[in-house]
PDB file of N, CA and C in Angstrom:
ATOM      1  N   MET A   1     277.904 251.466 211.689  1.00  0.00           N
ATOM      2  CA  MET A   1     278.678 252.031 210.500  1.00  0.00           C
ATOM      3  C   MET A   1     279.212 250.814 209.792  1.00  0.00           C
ATOM      4  N   LEU A   2     280.139 250.127 210.467  1.00  0.00           N
ATOM      5  CA  LEU A   2     280.817 248.864 209.801  1.00  0.00           C
ATOM      6  C   LEU A   2     279.833 247.901 209.230  1.00  0.00           C
ATOM      7  N   LYS A   3     278.836 247.601 210.158  1.00  0.00           N
ATOM      8  CA  LYS A   3     277.758 246.826 209.693  1.00  0.00           C
ATOM      9  C   LYS A   3     276.981 247.147 208.206  1.00  0.00           C
ATOM     10  N   LYS A   4     276.707 248.498 208.254  1.00  0.00           N
ATOM     11  CA  LYS A   4     276.026 248.866 206.973  1.00  0.00           C
ATOM     12  C   LYS A   4     277.194 248.806 205.820  1.00  0.00           C
ATOM     13  N   LEU A   5     278.308 249.013 205.952  1.00  0.00           N
ATOM     14  CA  LEU A   5     279.355 248.940 204.933  1.00  0.00           C
ATOM     15  C   LEU A   5     279.565 247.478 204.618  1.00  0.00           C
ATOM     16  N   LEU A   6     279.320 246.555 205.362  1.00  0.00           N
ATOM     17  CA  LEU A   6     279.355 245.155 205.103  1.00  0.00           C
ATOM     18  C   LEU A   6     278.308 244.760 204.361  1.00  0.00           C
ATOM     19  N   ILE A   7     277.040 244.888 204.836  1.00  0.00           N
ATOM     20  CA  ILE A   7     275.797 244.763 204.139  1.00  0.00           C
ATOM     21  C   ILE A   7     275.875 245.365 202.723  1.00  0.00           C
ATOM     22  N   GLY A   8     276.145 246.463 202.616  1.00  0.00           N
ATOM     23  CA  GLY A   8     276.150 247.100 201.420  1.00  0.00           C
ATOM     24  C   GLY A   8     277.198 246.367 200.475  1.00  0.00           C
ATOM     25  N   SER A   9     278.384 246.022 201.042  1.00  0.00           N
ATOM     26  CA  SER A   9     279.363 245.302 199.973  1.00  0.00           C
ATOM     27  C   SER A   9     278.984 244.018 199.562  1.00  0.00           C
ATOM     28  N   ALA A  10     278.193 243.175 200.706  1.00  0.00           N
ATOM     29  CA  ALA A  10     277.722 241.896 200.118  1.00  0.00           C
ATOM     30  C   ALA A  10     276.687 242.030 199.142  1.00  0.00           C
ATOM     31  N   PHE A  11     275.889 243.145 199.337  1.00  0.00           N
ATOM     32  CA  PHE A  11     274.680 243.211 198.280  1.00  0.00           C
ATOM     33  C   PHE A  11     275.195 243.576 196.823  1.00  0.00           C
ATOM     34  N   GLY A  12     276.281 244.369 196.788  1.00  0.00           N
ATOM     35  CA  GLY A  12     277.014 244.496 195.558  1.00  0.00           C
ATOM     36  C   GLY A  12     277.553 243.439 195.013  1.00  0.00           C
ATOM     37  N   LEU A  13     278.082 242.642 195.926  1.00  0.00           N
ATOM     38  CA  LEU A  13     278.723 241.455 195.123  1.00  0.00           C
ATOM     39  C   LEU A  13     277.782 240.532 194.795  1.00  0.00           C
ATOM     40  N   LEU A  14     276.675 240.454 195.473  1.00  0.00           N
ATOM     41  CA  LEU A  14     275.589 239.374 194.901  1.00  0.00           C
ATOM     42  C   LEU A  14     275.001 239.878 193.570  1.00  0.00           C
ATOM     43  N   LEU A  15     274.959 241.304 193.497  1.00  0.00           N
ATOM     44  CA  LEU A  15     274.640 241.846 192.247  1.00  0.00           C
ATOM     45  C   LEU A  15     275.463 241.450 191.181  1.00  0.00           C
ATOM     46  N   SER A  16     276.703 241.687 191.383  1.00  0.00           N
ATOM     47  CA  SER A  16     277.694 241.444 190.237  1.00  0.00           C
ATOM     48  C   SER A  16     277.751 240.144 189.750  1.00  0.00           C
ATOM     49  N   VAL A  17     277.581 239.171 190.865  1.00  0.00           N
ATOM     50  CA  VAL A  17     277.675 237.758 190.763  1.00  0.00           C
ATOM     51  C   VAL A  17     276.413 237.364 189.605  1.00  0.00           C
ATOM     52  N   GLY A  18     275.312 237.818 189.993  1.00  0.00           N
ATOM     53  CA  GLY A  18     274.029 237.724 189.143  1.00  0.00           C
ATOM     54  C   GLY A  18     274.200 238.105 187.760  1.00  0.00           C
ATOM     55  N   THR A  19     274.990 239.355 187.705  1.00  0.00           N
ATOM     56  CA  THR A  19     274.817 239.739 186.265  1.00  0.00           C
ATOM     57  C   THR A  19     275.991 238.760 185.439  1.00  0.00           C
ATOM     58  N   VAL A  20     277.016 238.380 186.330  1.00  0.00           N
ATOM     59  CA  VAL A  20     277.975 237.496 185.546  1.00  0.00           C
ATOM     60  C   VAL A  20     277.550 236.181 185.097  1.00  0.00           C
ATOM     61  N   CYS A  21     276.615 235.729 186.119  1.00  0.00           N
ATOM     62  CA  CYS A  21     276.144 234.240 185.847  1.00  0.00           C
ATOM     63  C   CYS A  21     274.746 234.399 184.847  1.00  0.00           C
ATOM     64  N   ALA A  22     274.468 235.391 184.437  1.00  0.00           N
ATOM     65  CA  ALA A  22     273.188 235.528 183.587  1.00  0.00           C
ATOM     66  C   ALA A  22     273.310 234.691 182.245  1.00  0.00           C
ATOM     67  N   GLU A  23     272.371 233.864 182.141  1.00  0.00           N
ATOM     68  CA  GLU A  23     272.460 232.993 180.803  1.00  0.00           C
ATOM     69  C   GLU A  23     272.156 233.730 179.518  1.00  0.00           C
ATOM     70  N   GLU A  24     272.677 233.523 178.375  1.00  0.00           N
ATOM     71  CA  GLU A  24     272.372 234.045 177.170  1.00  0.00           C
ATOM     72  C   GLU A  24     271.212 233.275 176.529  1.00  0.00           C
ATOM     73  N   VAL A  25     270.425 233.917 176.032  1.00  0.00           N
ATOM     74  CA  VAL A  25     269.357 233.284 175.315  1.00  0.00           C
ATOM     75  C   VAL A  25     269.545 233.216 173.901  1.00  0.00           C
ATOM     76  N   ILE A  26     269.578 232.007 173.402  1.00  0.00           N
ATOM     77  CA  ILE A  26     270.012 231.850 171.946  1.00  0.00           C
ATOM     78  C   ILE A  26     268.944 231.457 171.318  1.00  0.00           C
ATOM     79  N   ILE A  27     268.673 232.360 170.269  1.00  0.00           N
ATOM     80  CA  ILE A  27     267.481 232.418 169.219  1.00  0.00           C
ATOM     81  C   ILE A  27     267.970 231.638 168.007  1.00  0.00           C
ATOM     82  N   LYS A  28     267.221 230.516 167.592  1.00  0.00           N
ATOM     83  CA  LYS A  28     267.570 229.861 166.493  1.00  0.00           C
ATOM     84  C   LYS A  28     267.068 230.627 165.143  1.00  0.00           C
ATOM     85  N   VAL A  29     266.318 231.692 165.089  1.00  0.00           N
ATOM     86  CA  VAL A  29     265.708 232.332 163.976  1.00  0.00           C
ATOM     87  C   VAL A  29     266.424 233.565 163.843  1.00  0.00           C
ATOM     88  N   ARG A  30     267.048 233.600 162.661  1.00  0.00           N
ATOM     89  CA  ARG A  30     267.803 234.942 162.411  1.00  0.00           C
ATOM     90  C   ARG A  30     266.990 236.169 162.395  1.00  0.00           C
ATOM     91  N   PRO A  31     267.397 237.195 163.047  1.00  0.00           N
ATOM     92  CA  PRO A  31     266.574 238.481 163.017  1.00  0.00           C
ATOM     93  C   PRO A  31     266.408 239.035 161.545  1.00  0.00           C
ATOM     94  N   PRO A  32     265.414 239.705 161.506  1.00  0.00           N
ATOM     95  CA  PRO A  32     265.103 240.464 160.117  1.00  0.00           C
ATOM     96  C   PRO A  32     266.401 241.532 159.887  1.00  0.00           C
ATOM     97  N   ALA A  33     266.590 242.007 158.966  1.00  0.00           N
ATOM     98  CA  ALA A  33     267.134 243.355 158.603  1.00  0.00           C
ATOM     99  C   ALA A  33     266.578 244.463 159.458  1.00  0.00           C
ATOM    100  N   ASP A  34     267.669 245.380 159.763  1.00  0.00           N
ATOM    101  CA  ASP A  34     266.948 246.518 160.510  1.00  0.00           C
ATOM    102  C   ASP A  34     266.042 247.325 159.609  1.00  0.00           C
ATOM    103  N   ARG A  35     265.166 248.071 160.236  1.00  0.00           N
ATOM    104  CA  ARG A  35     264.489 248.774 159.290  1.00  0.00           C
ATOM    105  C   ARG A  35     264.867 250.301 159.238  1.00  0.00           C
ATOM    106  N   VAL A  36     264.560 250.727 158.028  1.00  0.00           N
ATOM    107  CA  VAL A  36     265.046 252.199 157.900  1.00  0.00           C
ATOM    108  C   VAL A  36     263.933 253.139 158.750  1.00  0.00           C
ATOM    109  N   GLU A  37     264.542 253.822 159.609  1.00  0.00           N
ATOM    110  CA  GLU A  37     263.633 254.855 160.215  1.00  0.00           C
ATOM    111  C   GLU A  37     263.978 256.170 159.789  1.00  0.00           C
ATOM    112  N   GLU A  38     262.618 256.932 160.032  1.00  0.00           N
ATOM    113  CA  GLU A  38     262.701 258.387 159.747  1.00  0.00           C
ATOM    114  C   GLU A  38     262.605 258.871 161.206  1.00  0.00           C
ATOM    115  N   ARG A  39     263.745 259.939 161.413  1.00  0.00           N
ATOM    116  CA  ARG A  39     263.797 260.350 162.912  1.00  0.00           C
ATOM    117  C   ARG A  39     262.850 261.516 163.055  1.00  0.00           C
ATOM    118  N   ILE A  40     262.061 261.807 164.063  1.00  0.00           N
ATOM    119  CA  ILE A  40     261.382 262.887 164.225  1.00  0.00           C
ATOM    120  C   ILE A  40     262.235 263.942 164.742  1.00  0.00           C
ATOM    121  N   ALA A  41     261.971 265.115 164.696  1.00  0.00           N
ATOM    122  CA  ALA A  41     262.760 266.328 165.118  1.00  0.00           C
ATOM    123  C   ALA A  41     263.283 266.156 166.395  1.00  0.00           C
ATOM    124  N   ARG A  42     264.656 266.215 166.576  1.00  0.00           N
ATOM    125  CA  ARG A  42     265.410 266.196 168.018  1.00  0.00           C
ATOM    126  C   ARG A  42     264.755 267.167 168.690  1.00  0.00           C
ATOM    127  N   PRO A  43     264.341 266.585 169.986  1.00  0.00           N
ATOM    128  CA  PRO A  43     263.811 267.595 171.107  1.00  0.00           C
ATOM    129  C   PRO A  43     264.493 268.390 171.609  1.00  0.00           C
ATOM    130  N   GLY A  44     265.851 268.406 171.642  1.00  0.00           N
ATOM    131  CA  GLY A  44     266.828 269.097 172.248  1.00  0.00           C
ATOM    132  C   GLY A  44     268.138 269.000 171.640  1.00  0.00           C
ATOM    133  N   PRO A  45     269.165 269.962 171.876  1.00  0.00           N
ATOM    134  CA  PRO A  45     270.591 269.849 171.191  1.00  0.00           C
ATOM    135  C   PRO A  45     271.425 268.676 171.849  1.00  0.00           C
ATOM    136  N   ASN A  46     270.806 268.253 173.294  1.00  0.00           N
ATOM    137  CA  ASN A  46     271.829 267.144 173.855  1.00  0.00           C
ATOM    138  C   ASN A  46     271.075 265.655 173.823  1.00  0.00           C
ATOM    139  N   HIS A  47     270.108 265.691 173.049  1.00  0.00           N
ATOM    140  CA  HIS A  47     269.525 264.426 172.950  1.00  0.00           C
ATOM    141  C   HIS A  47     270.179 263.549 171.712  1.00  0.00           C
ATOM    142  N   VAL A  48     270.266 262.400 172.036  1.00  0.00           N
ATOM    143  CA  VAL A  48     270.983 261.317 171.344  1.00  0.00           C
ATOM    144  C   VAL A  48     269.929 260.460 170.637  1.00  0.00           C
ATOM    145  N   TRP A  49     270.189 259.989 169.452  1.00  0.00           N
ATOM    146  CA  TRP A  49     269.236 259.042 168.765  1.00  0.00           C
ATOM    147  C   TRP A  49     269.574 257.561 169.112  1.00  0.00           C
ATOM    148  N   ILE A  50     268.457 256.799 169.806  1.00  0.00           N
ATOM    149  CA  ILE A  50     268.582 255.474 170.100  1.00  0.00           C
ATOM    150  C   ILE A  50     267.855 254.763 168.923  1.00  0.00           C
ATOM    151  N   ALA A  51     268.546 254.056 167.906  1.00  0.00           N
ATOM    152  CA  ALA A  51     268.103 253.292 166.727  1.00  0.00           C
ATOM    153  C   ALA A  51     267.089 252.281 167.245  1.00  0.00           C
ATOM    154  N   GLY A  52     266.086 251.914 166.392  1.00  0.00           N
ATOM    155  CA  GLY A  52     265.214 250.938 166.534  1.00  0.00           C
ATOM    156  C   GLY A  52     265.952 249.522 166.547  1.00  0.00           C
ATOM    157  N   TYR A  53     265.270 248.379 166.993  1.00  0.00           N
ATOM    158  CA  TYR A  53     266.115 247.186 166.790  1.00  0.00           C
ATOM    159  C   TYR A  53     265.046 245.997 166.919  1.00  0.00           C
ATOM    160  N   TYR A  54     265.225 244.853 166.615  1.00  0.00           N
ATOM    161  CA  TYR A  54     264.343 243.571 166.822  1.00  0.00           C
ATOM    162  C   TYR A  54     264.646 243.105 168.280  1.00  0.00           C
ATOM    163  N   ARG A  55     263.510 242.821 168.916  1.00  0.00           N
ATOM    164  CA  ARG A  55     263.849 242.038 170.299  1.00  0.00           C
ATOM    165  C   ARG A  55     262.985 240.748 169.937  1.00  0.00           C
ATOM    166  N   TRP A  56     263.274 239.857 170.737  1.00  0.00           N
ATOM    167  CA  TRP A  56     262.385 238.414 170.496  1.00  0.00           C
ATOM    168  C   TRP A  56     261.447 238.404 171.648  1.00  0.00           C
ATOM    169  N   ASP A  57     260.169 238.109 171.222  1.00  0.00           N
ATOM    170  CA  ASP A  57     259.125 237.836 172.281  1.00  0.00           C
ATOM    171  C   ASP A  57     258.920 236.665 172.686  1.00  0.00           C
ATOM    172  N   GLY A  58     259.562 235.590 172.367  1.00  0.00           N
ATOM    173  CA  GLY A  58     259.452 234.271 172.694  1.00  0.00           C
ATOM    174  C   GLY A  58     259.003 233.362 171.643  1.00  0.00           C
ATOM    175  N   GLY A  59     258.402 234.062 170.490  1.00  0.00           N
ATOM    176  CA  GLY A  59     258.029 233.393 169.389  1.00  0.00           C
ATOM    177  C   GLY A  59     258.162 234.018 168.081  1.00  0.00           C
ATOM    178  N   THR A  60     258.462 235.245 167.989  1.00  0.00           N
ATOM    179  CA  THR A  60     258.865 236.030 167.011  1.00  0.00           C
ATOM    180  C   THR A  60     259.567 237.223 167.270  1.00  0.00           C
ATOM    181  N   HIS A  61     260.198 237.842 166.208  1.00  0.00           N
ATOM    182  CA  HIS A  61     261.090 239.100 166.293  1.00  0.00           C
ATOM    183  C   HIS A  61     259.892 240.357 166.259  1.00  0.00           C
ATOM    184  N   VAL A  62     260.264 241.280 167.247  1.00  0.00           N
ATOM    185  CA  VAL A  62     259.348 242.234 167.294  1.00  0.00           C
ATOM    186  C   VAL A  62     259.970 243.733 167.140  1.00  0.00           C
ATOM    187  N   TRP A  63     259.638 244.582 166.275  1.00  0.00           N
ATOM    188  CA  TRP A  63     260.381 245.734 166.121  1.00  0.00           C
ATOM    189  C   TRP A  63     260.331 246.678 167.240  1.00  0.00           C
ATOM    190  N   VAL A  64     261.249 247.134 167.758  1.00  0.00           N
ATOM    191  CA  VAL A  64     261.204 248.282 168.833  1.00  0.00           C
ATOM    192  C   VAL A  64     261.648 249.619 168.099  1.00  0.00           C
ATOM    193  N   PRO A  65     260.793 250.492 168.065  1.00  0.00           N
ATOM    194  CA  PRO A  65     261.129 251.804 167.376  1.00  0.00           C
ATOM    195  C   PRO A  65     262.079 252.586 167.928  1.00  0.00           C
ATOM    196  N   GLY A  66     262.926 253.365 167.209  1.00  0.00           N
ATOM    197  CA  GLY A  66     263.929 254.277 167.659  1.00  0.00           C
ATOM    198  C   GLY A  66     263.326 255.452 168.535  1.00  0.00           C
ATOM    199  N   ARG A  67     264.166 256.177 169.247  1.00  0.00           N
ATOM    200  CA  ARG A  67     263.658 257.308 169.965  1.00  0.00           C
ATOM    201  C   ARG A  67     264.857 258.262 170.513  1.00  0.00           C
ATOM    202  N   TRP A  68     264.398 259.390 170.712  1.00  0.00           N
ATOM    203  CA  TRP A  68     265.667 260.414 171.431  1.00  0.00           C
ATOM    204  C   TRP A  68     265.557 260.193 172.882  1.00  0.00           C
ATOM    205  N   GLU A  69     266.955 260.259 173.290  1.00  0.00           N
ATOM    206  CA  GLU A  69     266.978 260.117 174.817  1.00  0.00           C
ATOM    207  C   GLU A  69     268.055 261.119 175.193  1.00  0.00           C
ATOM    208  N   LEU A  70     268.042 261.483 176.296  1.00  0.00           N
ATOM    209  CA  LEU A  70     269.284 262.423 177.040  1.00  0.00           C
ATOM    210  C   LEU A  70     270.043 261.360 177.750  1.00  0.00           C
ATOM    211  N   PRO A  71     271.263 261.533 177.535  1.00  0.00           N
ATOM    212  CA  PRO A  71     272.371 260.661 178.100  1.00  0.00           C
ATOM    213  C   PRO A  71     272.393 260.906 179.594  1.00  0.00           C
ATOM    214  N   PRO A  72     272.619 259.778 180.427  1.00  0.00           N
ATOM    215  CA  PRO A  72     272.515 259.869 181.772  1.00  0.00           C
ATOM    216  C   PRO A  72     273.616 260.862 182.390  1.00  0.00           C
ATOM    217  N   ARG A  73     274.604 261.106 181.567  1.00  0.00           N
ATOM    218  CA  ARG A  73     275.598 262.007 182.069  1.00  0.00           C
ATOM    219  C   ARG A  73     276.269 262.721 180.955  1.00  0.00           C
ATOM    220  N   PRO A  74     276.743 263.850 181.049  1.00  0.00           N
ATOM    221  CA  PRO A  74     277.423 264.673 180.023  1.00  0.00           C
ATOM    222  C   PRO A  74     278.548 263.634 179.310  1.00  0.00           C
ATOM    223  N   GLY A  75     278.424 263.777 177.863  1.00  0.00           N
ATOM    224  CA  GLY A  75     279.459 263.018 177.088  1.00  0.00           C
ATOM    225  C   GLY A  75     279.118 261.470 176.939  1.00  0.00           C
ATOM    226  N   GLY A  76     277.980 260.994 177.535  1.00  0.00           N
ATOM    227  CA  GLY A  76     277.751 259.671 177.359  1.00  0.00           C
ATOM    228  C   GLY A  76     277.402 259.100 176.026  1.00  0.00           C
ATOM    229  N   VAL A  77     277.922 258.060 175.708  1.00  0.00           N
ATOM    230  CA  VAL A  77     277.919 257.639 174.192  1.00  0.00           C
ATOM    231  C   VAL A  77     276.904 256.217 174.302  1.00  0.00           C
ATOM    232  N   TRP A  78     276.059 256.324 173.331  1.00  0.00           N
ATOM    233  CA  TRP A  78     275.075 255.195 173.380  1.00  0.00           C
ATOM    234  C   TRP A  78     275.592 254.088 172.481  1.00  0.00           C
ATOM    235  N   VAL A  79     275.710 252.817 172.933  1.00  0.00           N
ATOM    236  CA  VAL A  79     276.300 251.778 172.158  1.00  0.00           C
ATOM    237  C   VAL A  79     274.988 250.729 171.767  1.00  0.00           C
ATOM    238  N   ALA A  80     274.745 250.935 170.452  1.00  0.00           N
ATOM    239  CA  ALA A  80     273.510 250.126 169.987  1.00  0.00           C
ATOM    240  C   ALA A  80     273.471 248.821 170.322  1.00  0.00           C
ATOM    241  N   HIS A  81     272.040 248.388 170.343  1.00  0.00           N
ATOM    242  CA  HIS A  81     271.589 246.839 170.336  1.00  0.00           C
ATOM    243  C   HIS A  81     272.190 246.157 169.081  1.00  0.00           C
ATOM    244  N   LYS A  82     272.722 245.070 169.274  1.00  0.00           N
ATOM    245  CA  LYS A  82     273.121 244.223 167.876  1.00  0.00           C
ATOM    246  C   LYS A  82     272.881 242.675 168.300  1.00  0.00           C
ATOM    247  N   TRP A  83     272.583 242.164 167.511  1.00  0.00           N
ATOM    248  CA  TRP A  83     272.506 240.598 167.238  1.00  0.00           C
ATOM    249  C   TRP A  83     273.744 240.104 166.696  1.00  0.00           C
ATOM    250  N   VAL A  84     274.336 238.936 167.442  1.00  0.00           N
ATOM    251  CA  VAL A  84     275.556 238.414 167.047  1.00  0.00           C
ATOM    252  C   VAL A  84     275.198 236.881 166.969  1.00  0.00           C
ATOM    253  N   LYS A  85     275.873 236.283 166.100  1.00  0.00           N
ATOM    254  CA  LYS A  85     275.860 234.704 165.604  1.00  0.00           C
ATOM    255  C   LYS A  85     276.591 234.183 166.748  1.00  0.00           C
ATOM    256  N   ARG A  86     276.087 233.104 167.443  1.00  0.00           N
ATOM    257  CA  ARG A  86     276.857 232.541 168.576  1.00  0.00           C
ATOM    258  C   ARG A  86     276.200 231.102 169.092  1.00  0.00           C
ATOM    259  N   HIS A  87     276.839 230.044 169.179  1.00  0.00           N
ATOM    260  CA  HIS A  87     276.538 228.767 169.510  1.00  0.00           C
ATOM    261  C   HIS A  87     275.365 228.233 168.714  1.00  0.00           C
ATOM    262  N   GLY A  88     275.443 228.581 167.275  1.00  0.00           N
ATOM    263  CA  GLY A  88     274.470 227.833 166.601  1.00  0.00           C
ATOM    264  C   GLY A  88     273.153 228.534 166.407  1.00  0.00           C
ATOM    265  N   GLY A  89     273.067 229.847 166.833  1.00  0.00           N
ATOM    266  CA  GLY A  89     271.952 230.763 166.889  1.00  0.00           C
ATOM    267  C   GLY A  89     272.337 232.196 167.158  1.00  0.00           C
ATOM    268  N   TRP A  90     271.354 233.082 167.401  1.00  0.00           N
ATOM    269  CA  TRP A  90     271.543 234.588 167.599  1.00  0.00           C
ATOM    270  C   TRP A  90     271.354 234.950 168.988  1.00  0.00           C
ATOM    271  N   VAL A  91     272.164 235.722 169.377  1.00  0.00           N
ATOM    272  CA  VAL A  91     272.199 236.323 170.871  1.00  0.00           C
ATOM    273  C   VAL A  91     272.008 237.823 170.691  1.00  0.00           C
ATOM    274  N   LEU A  92     271.012 238.634 171.462  1.00  0.00           N
ATOM    275  CA  LEU A  92     270.787 239.946 171.437  1.00  0.00           C
ATOM    276  C   LEU A  92     271.739 240.465 172.539  1.00  0.00           C
ATOM    277  N   ILE A  93     272.739 241.319 171.861  1.00  0.00           N
ATOM    278  CA  ILE A  93     273.533 242.192 173.120  1.00  0.00           C
ATOM    279  C   ILE A  93     272.752 243.419 173.340  1.00  0.00           C
ATOM    280  N   GLU A  94     272.416 243.786 174.269  1.00  0.00           N
ATOM    281  CA  GLU A  94     271.523 244.913 174.663  1.00  0.00           C
ATOM    282  C   GLU A  94     272.325 246.237 174.565  1.00  0.00           C
ATOM    283  N   GLY A  95     271.641 247.340 174.117  1.00  0.00           N
ATOM    284  CA  GLY A  95     272.141 248.543 173.939  1.00  0.00           C
ATOM    285  C   GLY A  95     272.497 249.239 175.327  1.00  0.00           C
ATOM    286  N   HIS A  96     273.323 250.094 175.298  1.00  0.00           N
ATOM    287  CA  HIS A  96     273.779 250.576 176.835  1.00  0.00           C
ATOM    288  C   HIS A  96     274.493 251.931 176.579  1.00  0.00           C
ATOM    289  N   TRP A  97     274.619 252.617 177.626  1.00  0.00           N
ATOM    290  CA  TRP A  97     275.379 253.839 177.700  1.00  0.00           C
ATOM    291  C   TRP A  97     276.787 253.704 178.043  1.00  0.00           C
ATOM    292  N   ARG A  98     277.661 254.184 177.436  1.00  0.00           N
ATOM    293  CA  ARG A  98     278.949 254.167 177.915  1.00  0.00           C
ATOM    294  C   ARG A  98     279.469 255.494 178.343  1.00  0.00           C
TER     295      ARG A  98
END
C-alpha cells in the first residue's frame, strides 16, 4: 500500500515538474484578427460555446473553428485561447476549463 502511494506521488511530481518546465513557443508572426463566426444551434442547454482561434502549425496560422462542448463538471467556465505579446513575439495561451 505504501509502495503504491509513493509511486503515485512520484509520478504526480514528475508530471507537475514537466508542466512547469514546458517551454513557450514564441512566434514572430502576429496572428490574424479572430474571425466572426456564426454559431450553429446549441445542442443542449448545458453546452458552452468554445470560440474559434488561430493556432500555429509551424509555418502559418491556421484557423480552428468554434464548437459547442459540455463542461467537464457542473459550473465549469471556459477560459478562451488567446495570443499574448511576449519576448519580441507572440505566445498562444491555450484555452482551458476553470
